[in-house]
Amino acid sequence: MRNKLLPTLLLCFLTNLVLAQTEVSERKVHFSLMGGIHVFGETFSYEKIKTVKGVALGLDLSYKLSPEKSGLSFHVQPNWSNYIRTNRENNTSYDYKIQSINIPLLLRYTFLTGKIRPFVEAGLNFRSRISFDIDINGTICRYEPAMCFPGREKIDMHSQTSQDRVGVLAGMGVEFDIWKISIPLSIRLNEGIGTYKMKHQYEDHYYYDDIKTRNIQITTGITF
């Protein structure tokens, strides 16, 4: 009887040990729904930053380097984003509308282990623009022949301009627990590295350069 009991106890011990390790490793991996808004931004490097519109919707896949709630974690946040900034000049409005697919890769450091945990984060953002339009409402001017008239016009800039595919992200925030879920809330700067411009410059034709990705976002989510 004793000879059968010892192997049974040993098997139970090893099984519990494996299950415990599995639970710890599962707690390191988290899946989140993520959303946010753009609150400030600029379209050209020479502009002053001002209020803008736009949203970001995506996922947050994270891996904690330790099972504790505090410490370092790595985040991949694929998302779709749209950005709208309106400039006004001489009774004419210019709406700059940009849509992009983004893949931020972030390192986050979380302080404390309670139900309310502040954090800081930073990393790179890999960006693929999928549309860039300028909607003009007011005075429309032509170069050939030279003339101006009231009206509306939409300029497709996506095919005419280069892309800024890499940027930096940095921000801070707080994460708090509600029942079995966690809700992060952060404010962060999203800035492209360098500027971009139109691919060709023609005589007697509009030309845009020094185009800049720079905006301030507020993001949140639900972490399972």
Protein backbone atom coordinates (compact mmCIF):
# COMPACT_ATOMS: atom_id res chain seq x y z
CA MET A 1 0.00 0.00 0.00
CA ARG A 2 2.81 2.36 0.95
CA ASN A 3 4.63 1.54 -2.31
CA LYS A 4 1.56 2.64 -4.31
CA LEU A 5 0.89 5.74 -2.18
CA LEU A 6 4.31 7.36 -2.64
CA PRO A 7 4.24 7.32 -6.49
CA THR A 8 0.67 8.65 -6.39
CA LEU A 9 1.65 11.55 -4.10
CA LEU A 10 4.70 12.27 -6.24
CA LEU A 11 2.55 12.32 -9.38
CA CYS A 12 0.06 14.70 -7.76
CA PHE A 13 2.89 16.98 -6.66
CA LEU A 14 4.42 17.11 -10.15
CA THR A 15 1.01 17.71 -11.74
CA ASN A 16 0.28 20.62 -9.40
CA LEU A 17 3.73 22.03 -10.04
CA VAL A 18 3.18 21.97 -13.81
CA LEU A 19 -0.27 23.55 -13.48
CA ALA A 20 1.08 26.26 -11.20
CA GLN A 21 3.79 27.11 -13.72
CA THR A 22 1.21 27.23 -16.50
CA GLU A 23 -0.96 29.66 -14.55
CA VAL A 24 2.02 31.93 -13.89
CA SER A 25 3.03 31.98 -17.55
CA GLU A 26 -0.57 32.71 -18.58
CA ARG A 27 -0.68 35.68 -16.22
CA LYS A 28 2.26 37.16 -18.08
CA VAL A 29 0.35 37.36 -21.35
CA HIS A 30 -2.56 39.80 -21.71
CA PHE A 31 -4.96 40.76 -24.46
CA SER A 32 -6.64 44.17 -24.63
CA LEU A 33 -9.06 46.13 -26.73
CA MET A 34 -7.61 49.59 -27.30
CA GLY A 35 -9.08 52.92 -28.36
CA GLY A 36 -8.09 56.55 -28.29
CA ILE A 37 -8.53 60.04 -29.64
CA HIS A 38 -6.18 62.63 -31.10
CA VAL A 39 -6.49 65.89 -29.17
CA PHE A 40 -3.64 68.07 -30.46
CA GLY A 41 -1.50 67.89 -33.59
CA GLU A 42 0.17 69.54 -36.54
CA THR A 43 0.32 68.70 -40.24
CA PHE A 44 3.39 70.75 -41.19
CA SER A 45 6.60 71.19 -39.19
CA TYR A 46 6.32 75.00 -39.24
CA GLU A 47 2.80 75.04 -37.75
CA LYS A 48 1.87 75.61 -34.15
CA ILE A 49 0.27 72.63 -32.50
CA LYS A 50 -3.52 72.99 -32.13
CA THR A 51 -6.64 70.96 -31.45
CA VAL A 52 -7.40 68.21 -33.98
CA LYS A 53 -9.90 65.40 -34.44
CA GLY A 54 -9.45 61.69 -34.97
CA VAL A 55 -9.56 58.27 -33.36
CA ALA A 56 -7.38 55.17 -33.02
CA LEU A 57 -8.89 51.68 -32.70
CA GLY A 58 -6.98 48.44 -32.26
CA LEU A 59 -5.55 45.76 -29.99
CA ASP A 60 -2.90 45.62 -27.28
CA LEU A 61 -0.98 42.36 -26.92
CA SER A 62 1.35 42.47 -23.93
CA TYR A 63 3.88 40.25 -22.19
CA LYS A 64 5.02 40.92 -18.65
CA LEU A 65 8.63 40.10 -17.89
CA SER A 66 7.55 38.99 -14.41
CA PRO A 67 4.24 37.74 -12.98
CA GLU A 68 4.03 40.77 -10.69
CA LYS A 69 1.73 43.66 -11.60
CA SER A 70 4.66 46.08 -11.39
CA GLY A 71 7.79 46.06 -13.54
CA LEU A 72 8.56 45.90 -17.25
CA SER A 73 6.18 44.72 -19.95
CA PHE A 74 6.38 44.60 -23.75
CA HIS A 75 3.40 45.76 -25.83
CA VAL A 76 2.40 45.36 -29.48
CA GLN A 77 -0.54 47.61 -30.39
CA PRO A 78 -1.72 47.22 -34.02
CA ASN A 79 -4.34 49.86 -34.75
CA TRP A 80 -6.16 51.87 -37.40
CA SER A 81 -6.04 55.64 -37.02
CA ASN A 82 -7.57 58.68 -38.69
CA TYR A 83 -6.45 62.27 -38.17
CA ILE A 84 -8.18 65.53 -39.16
CA ARG A 85 -6.77 69.03 -38.78
CA THR A 86 -8.56 72.13 -40.07
CA ASN A 87 -6.69 75.31 -41.05
CA ARG A 88 -8.47 78.52 -42.07
CA GLU A 89 -7.05 81.29 -44.24
CA ASN A 90 -8.87 84.21 -45.90
CA ASN A 91 -12.36 82.70 -45.56
CA THR A 92 -11.12 79.36 -46.92
CA SER A 93 -10.91 76.18 -44.85
CA TYR A 94 -8.41 73.36 -45.45
CA ASP A 95 -9.19 69.95 -43.91
CA TYR A 96 -6.16 67.64 -43.83
CA LYS A 97 -7.41 64.05 -43.47
CA ILE A 98 -4.99 61.16 -42.96
CA GLN A 99 -5.70 57.47 -42.33
CA SER A 100 -3.00 54.96 -41.42
CA ILE A 101 -2.29 51.49 -40.07
CA ASN A 102 0.10 51.62 -37.11
CA ILE A 103 2.09 48.98 -35.25
CA PRO A 104 3.61 50.47 -32.07
CA LEU A 105 6.21 48.40 -30.20
CA LEU A 106 6.43 49.69 -26.64
CA LEU A 107 8.24 49.03 -23.40
CA ARG A 108 6.17 49.96 -20.35
CA TYR A 109 7.31 50.22 -16.75
CA THR A 110 4.53 49.95 -14.17
CA PHE A 111 4.98 51.25 -10.63
CA LEU A 112 3.31 49.77 -7.53
CA THR A 113 1.25 46.59 -7.29
CA GLY A 114 -2.09 47.81 -5.95
CA LYS A 115 -5.36 48.42 -7.76
CA ILE A 116 -4.10 51.79 -9.06
CA ARG A 117 -0.74 51.61 -10.85
CA PRO A 118 0.98 54.51 -12.66
CA PHE A 119 3.24 53.71 -15.61
CA VAL A 120 5.52 55.23 -18.25
CA GLU A 121 6.03 53.87 -21.75
CA ALA A 122 8.13 54.51 -24.85
CA GLY A 123 8.96 52.83 -28.13
CA LEU A 124 8.76 52.89 -31.91
CA ASN A 125 5.73 53.20 -34.16
CA PHE A 126 5.75 51.58 -37.61
CA ARG A 127 3.23 53.35 -39.82
CA SER A 128 1.69 52.74 -43.24
CA ARG A 129 -0.48 55.58 -44.52
CA ILE A 130 -3.52 54.41 -46.49
CA SER A 131 -5.04 57.79 -47.45
CA PHE A 132 -4.22 61.50 -47.37
CA ASP A 133 -6.78 64.03 -48.63
CA ILE A 134 -7.07 67.81 -48.49
CA ASP A 135 -10.64 69.15 -48.58
CA ILE A 136 -10.73 72.83 -49.58
CA ASN A 137 -13.90 74.88 -49.03
CA GLY A 138 -13.96 78.55 -50.00
CA THR A 139 -11.80 80.10 -52.69
CA ILE A 140 -10.38 77.68 -55.27
CA CYS A 141 -7.46 78.93 -57.38
CA ARG A 142 -6.12 77.58 -60.66
CA TYR A 143 -2.68 78.24 -62.07
CA GLU A 144 -3.38 77.57 -65.76
CA PRO A 145 -5.24 79.73 -66.59
CA ALA A 146 -4.71 81.89 -63.49
CA MET A 147 -8.10 82.33 -61.89
CA CYS A 148 -9.88 81.99 -58.54
CA PHE A 149 -13.52 81.20 -57.84
CA PRO A 150 -15.69 80.09 -54.88
CA GLY A 151 -16.27 76.37 -54.49
CA ARG A 152 -15.12 73.07 -53.00
CA GLU A 153 -12.26 70.81 -54.01
CA LYS A 154 -10.74 67.54 -52.83
CA ILE A 155 -7.05 66.84 -53.50
CA ASP A 156 -5.79 63.25 -53.24
CA MET A 157 -2.30 63.64 -51.75
CA HIS A 158 -1.66 59.98 -50.96
CA SER A 159 -0.17 58.99 -54.31
CA GLN A 160 1.67 62.31 -54.66
CA THR A 161 3.61 62.25 -51.39
CA SER A 162 6.24 60.08 -49.76
CA GLN A 163 5.62 58.38 -46.41
CA ASP A 164 7.12 58.64 -42.96
CA ARG A 165 7.09 54.99 -41.94
CA VAL A 166 8.84 55.14 -38.56
CA GLY A 167 8.08 57.29 -35.55
CA VAL A 168 8.49 57.40 -31.79
CA LEU A 169 5.88 57.10 -29.04
CA ALA A 170 6.28 58.21 -25.44
CA GLY A 171 3.72 58.67 -22.73
CA MET A 172 2.53 58.14 -19.19
CA GLY A 173 -0.63 56.92 -17.58
CA VAL A 174 -2.33 54.89 -14.92
CA GLU A 175 -3.88 51.42 -14.87
CA PHE A 176 -6.64 50.45 -12.44
CA ASP A 177 -8.53 47.25 -11.72
CA ILE A 178 -12.29 46.81 -11.85
CA TRP A 179 -13.37 43.30 -10.87
CA LYS A 180 -11.40 40.93 -13.11
CA ILE A 181 -10.41 43.43 -15.78
CA SER A 182 -7.85 46.24 -15.91
CA ILE A 183 -8.32 49.61 -17.59
CA PRO A 184 -5.23 51.58 -18.69
CA LEU A 185 -5.53 55.33 -19.37
CA SER A 186 -2.61 57.19 -20.93
CA ILE A 187 -1.59 60.39 -22.67
CA ARG A 188 1.23 60.09 -25.19
CA LEU A 189 3.13 61.85 -27.95
CA ASN A 190 3.22 60.27 -31.41
CA GLU A 191 5.89 61.83 -33.63
CA GLY A 192 7.23 60.76 -37.01
CA ILE A 193 10.98 60.75 -37.53
CA GLY A 194 11.67 63.56 -40.00
CA THR A 195 9.21 65.01 -42.51
CA TYR A 196 7.86 64.04 -45.92
CA LYS A 197 6.85 65.92 -49.09
CA MET A 198 5.39 65.68 -52.57
CA LYS A 199 7.39 63.45 -54.89
CA HIS A 200 7.48 65.96 -57.77
CA GLN A 201 7.47 69.73 -58.02
CA TYR A 202 6.00 71.26 -61.17
CA GLU A 203 6.14 74.84 -62.36
CA ASP A 204 2.94 76.80 -61.76
CA HIS A 205 1.50 74.04 -59.57
CA TYR A 206 0.76 73.64 -55.87
CA TYR A 207 3.52 72.00 -53.84
CA TYR A 208 3.51 70.69 -50.25
CA ASP A 209 6.61 69.84 -48.23
CA ASP A 210 7.69 69.73 -44.57
CA ILE A 211 4.67 67.51 -43.85
CA LYS A 212 4.96 66.23 -40.30
CA THR A 213 3.36 63.51 -38.19
CA ARG A 214 3.04 64.91 -34.68
CA ASN A 215 0.04 64.49 -32.41
CA ILE A 216 -0.92 63.98 -28.79
CA GLN A 217 -3.24 61.07 -28.06
CA ILE A 218 -5.36 59.98 -25.13
CA THR A 219 -5.77 56.19 -25.13
CA THR A 220 -7.61 53.67 -23.02
CA GLY A 221 -8.69 50.06 -23.21
CA ILE A 222 -9.94 46.93 -21.49
CA THR A 223 -7.36 44.33 -20.48
CA PHE A 224 -8.47 40.71 -19.97
